[in-house]
Amino acid sequence: MPQFVVTGYDYTDAQALERRMKVRDAHTNLISEMRTKGKILCGLALLDAAEKMIGSVVICNMNNRAEVETWLAAEPYITGKVWEKVEIQDARIGPSFADLVQKSAN
């Protein structure tokens, strides 16, 4: 199964953090559910020099780009206007981390 790196860059307006906090539980619940199904391998916050959250990176283990786009269409950080810009990049887990993909498939 192919992997994808999804990078979401947050809006920078004054209400951005408020919107993030409003949908954060829905976002983390969805990510946890997808992780249990082996669709999400890892996620992390992007921080600026002051350690303020400015976005997110999610490493996905999905069948194809269409599956990634289907998730993003329902992703609370998209529908809740937390991520202003999203990039999807095809990727492959390196051999040193192949066990992550094997564990997620079980």
C-alpha atoms as a PDB file:
ATOM      1  CA  MET A   1       0.000   0.000   0.000  1.00  0.00           C
ATOM      2  CA  PRO A   2       1.434   3.406  -0.896  1.00  0.00           C
ATOM      3  CA  GLN A   3       2.134   6.132   1.609  1.00  0.00           C
ATOM      4  CA  PHE A   4       1.493   9.862   1.382  1.00  0.00           C
ATOM      5  CA  VAL A   5       2.712  12.852   3.342  1.00  0.00           C
ATOM      6  CA  VAL A   6      -0.020  15.400   3.955  1.00  0.00           C
ATOM      7  CA  THR A   7       1.103  18.826   5.139  1.00  0.00           C
ATOM      8  CA  GLY A   8      -1.563  21.215   6.347  1.00  0.00           C
ATOM      9  CA  TYR A   9      -0.618  24.865   6.901  1.00  0.00           C
ATOM     10  CA  ASP A  10      -2.813  26.788   9.325  1.00  0.00           C
ATOM     11  CA  TYR A  11      -4.623  30.016   8.625  1.00  0.00           C
ATOM     12  CA  THR A  12      -2.878  32.968  10.288  1.00  0.00           C
ATOM     13  CA  ASP A  13      -5.836  35.200  11.156  1.00  0.00           C
ATOM     14  CA  ALA A  14      -6.692  36.168  14.746  1.00  0.00           C
ATOM     15  CA  GLN A  15      -9.435  33.501  15.027  1.00  0.00           C
ATOM     16  CA  ALA A  16      -7.301  30.609  13.730  1.00  0.00           C
ATOM     17  CA  LEU A  17      -6.430  29.162  17.146  1.00  0.00           C
ATOM     18  CA  GLU A  18     -10.047  29.434  18.291  1.00  0.00           C
ATOM     19  CA  ARG A  19     -11.205  27.458  15.223  1.00  0.00           C
ATOM     20  CA  ARG A  20      -8.482  24.841  15.825  1.00  0.00           C
ATOM     21  CA  MET A  21      -9.564  24.320  19.418  1.00  0.00           C
ATOM     22  CA  LYS A  22     -13.226  24.126  18.420  1.00  0.00           C
ATOM     23  CA  VAL A  23     -12.657  21.127  16.107  1.00  0.00           C
ATOM     24  CA  ARG A  24      -9.581  19.593  17.753  1.00  0.00           C
ATOM     25  CA  ASP A  25     -11.451  16.723  19.450  1.00  0.00           C
ATOM     26  CA  ALA A  26     -13.206  15.807  16.201  1.00  0.00           C
ATOM     27  CA  HIS A  27      -9.845  15.890  14.387  1.00  0.00           C
ATOM     28  CA  THR A  28      -8.012  13.747  16.965  1.00  0.00           C
ATOM     29  CA  ASN A  29     -10.906  11.261  17.146  1.00  0.00           C
ATOM     30  CA  LEU A  30     -10.892  10.837  13.361  1.00  0.00           C
ATOM     31  CA  ILE A  31      -7.095  10.488  13.241  1.00  0.00           C
ATOM     32  CA  SER A  32      -7.191   7.902  16.072  1.00  0.00           C
ATOM     33  CA  GLU A  33      -9.885   5.921  14.272  1.00  0.00           C
ATOM     34  CA  MET A  34      -7.902   5.977  11.039  1.00  0.00           C
ATOM     35  CA  ARG A  35      -4.713   5.007  12.881  1.00  0.00           C
ATOM     36  CA  THR A  36      -6.480   1.975  14.349  1.00  0.00           C
ATOM     37  CA  LYS A  37      -7.421   0.968  10.790  1.00  0.00           C
ATOM     38  CA  GLY A  38      -3.800   1.354   9.625  1.00  0.00           C
ATOM     39  CA  LYS A  39      -4.551   4.389   7.457  1.00  0.00           C
ATOM     40  CA  ILE A  40      -2.488   6.874   9.502  1.00  0.00           C
ATOM     41  CA  LEU A  41       1.090   5.992  10.456  1.00  0.00           C
ATOM     42  CA  CYS A  42       2.201   9.170  12.187  1.00  0.00           C
ATOM     43  CA  GLY A  43       1.209  12.755  12.783  1.00  0.00           C
ATOM     44  CA  LEU A  44       2.976  15.770  14.165  1.00  0.00           C
ATOM     45  CA  ALA A  45       2.553  19.477  14.712  1.00  0.00           C
ATOM     46  CA  LEU A  46       4.563  22.038  12.772  1.00  0.00           C
ATOM     47  CA  LEU A  47       5.932  24.774  15.048  1.00  0.00           C
ATOM     48  CA  ASP A  48       7.484  28.157  14.408  1.00  0.00           C
ATOM     49  CA  ALA A  49      10.552  29.463  16.269  1.00  0.00           C
ATOM     50  CA  ALA A  50       8.340  30.518  19.203  1.00  0.00           C
ATOM     51  CA  GLU A  51       6.865  26.976  19.322  1.00  0.00           C
ATOM     52  CA  LYS A  52       3.487  28.223  18.104  1.00  0.00           C
ATOM     53  CA  MET A  53       1.604  25.622  16.092  1.00  0.00           C
ATOM     54  CA  ILE A  54       1.504  26.619  12.427  1.00  0.00           C
ATOM     55  CA  GLY A  55       0.347  23.393  10.819  1.00  0.00           C
ATOM     56  CA  SER A  56       0.460  19.628  10.789  1.00  0.00           C
ATOM     57  CA  VAL A  57       2.095  16.726   8.981  1.00  0.00           C
ATOM     58  CA  VAL A  58       0.337  13.382   8.642  1.00  0.00           C
ATOM     59  CA  ILE A  59       1.922  10.270   7.144  1.00  0.00           C
ATOM     60  CA  CYS A  60      -0.823   8.199   5.558  1.00  0.00           C
ATOM     61  CA  ASN A  61      -0.913   4.579   4.468  1.00  0.00           C
ATOM     62  CA  MET A  62      -3.726   4.647   1.920  1.00  0.00           C
ATOM     63  CA  ASN A  63      -4.607   2.839  -1.281  1.00  0.00           C
ATOM     64  CA  ASN A  64      -4.314   5.881  -3.532  1.00  0.00           C
ATOM     65  CA  ARG A  65      -4.483   9.669  -3.686  1.00  0.00           C
ATOM     66  CA  ALA A  66      -8.271   9.531  -4.100  1.00  0.00           C
ATOM     67  CA  GLU A  67      -8.543   7.882  -0.672  1.00  0.00           C
ATOM     68  CA  VAL A  68      -6.410  10.678   0.809  1.00  0.00           C
ATOM     69  CA  GLU A  69      -8.627  13.290  -0.823  1.00  0.00           C
ATOM     70  CA  THR A  70     -11.774  11.553   0.487  1.00  0.00           C
ATOM     71  CA  TRP A  71     -10.378  11.739   4.030  1.00  0.00           C
ATOM     72  CA  LEU A  72      -9.437  15.395   3.570  1.00  0.00           C
ATOM     73  CA  ALA A  73     -12.946  16.270   2.352  1.00  0.00           C
ATOM     74  CA  ALA A  74     -14.268  15.156   5.768  1.00  0.00           C
ATOM     75  CA  GLU A  75     -11.252  16.224   7.863  1.00  0.00           C
ATOM     76  CA  PRO A  76     -12.368  18.634  10.621  1.00  0.00           C
ATOM     77  CA  TYR A  77      -9.244  20.763  10.148  1.00  0.00           C
ATOM     78  CA  ILE A  78     -10.384  21.356   6.556  1.00  0.00           C
ATOM     79  CA  THR A  79     -14.108  21.746   7.172  1.00  0.00           C
ATOM     80  CA  GLY A  80     -13.408  23.858  10.279  1.00  0.00           C
ATOM     81  CA  LYS A  81     -11.041  26.169   8.393  1.00  0.00           C
ATOM     82  CA  VAL A  82      -7.922  25.346  10.422  1.00  0.00           C
ATOM     83  CA  TRP A  83      -5.744  24.312   7.481  1.00  0.00           C
ATOM     84  CA  GLU A  84      -5.581  27.009   4.837  1.00  0.00           C
ATOM     85  CA  LYS A  85      -3.282  25.169   2.457  1.00  0.00           C
ATOM     86  CA  VAL A  86      -2.765  21.415   2.106  1.00  0.00           C
ATOM     87  CA  GLU A  87      -0.072  19.613   0.146  1.00  0.00           C
ATOM     88  CA  ILE A  88      -0.202  15.895  -0.668  1.00  0.00           C
ATOM     89  CA  GLN A  89       3.062  14.217  -1.593  1.00  0.00           C
ATOM     90  CA  ASP A  90       3.543  10.599  -2.689  1.00  0.00           C
ATOM     91  CA  ALA A  91       6.030   8.877  -0.387  1.00  0.00           C
ATOM     92  CA  ARG A  92       7.451   5.503   0.627  1.00  0.00           C
ATOM     93  CA  ILE A  93       8.457   4.367   4.091  1.00  0.00           C
ATOM     94  CA  GLY A  94      12.177   3.563   4.155  1.00  0.00           C
ATOM     95  CA  PRO A  95      13.423   0.062   4.928  1.00  0.00           C
ATOM     96  CA  SER A  96      14.441   1.046   8.469  1.00  0.00           C
ATOM     97  CA  PHE A  97      10.798   1.861   9.233  1.00  0.00           C
ATOM     98  CA  ALA A  98       9.059  -0.877   7.223  1.00  0.00           C
ATOM     99  CA  ASP A  99       7.821  -2.446  10.464  1.00  0.00           C
ATOM    100  CA  LEU A 100       5.482   0.547  10.891  1.00  0.00           C
ATOM    101  CA  VAL A 101       3.681  -0.353   7.681  1.00  0.00           C
ATOM    102  CA  GLN A 102       3.587  -4.058   8.528  1.00  0.00           C
ATOM    103  CA  LYS A 103       2.135  -3.339  12.002  1.00  0.00           C
ATOM    104  CA  SER A 104      -0.522  -1.056  10.545  1.00  0.00           C
ATOM    105  CA  ALA A 105      -1.620  -3.758   8.115  1.00  0.00           C
ATOM    106  CA  ASN A 106      -2.395  -6.168  10.979  1.00  0.00           C
END
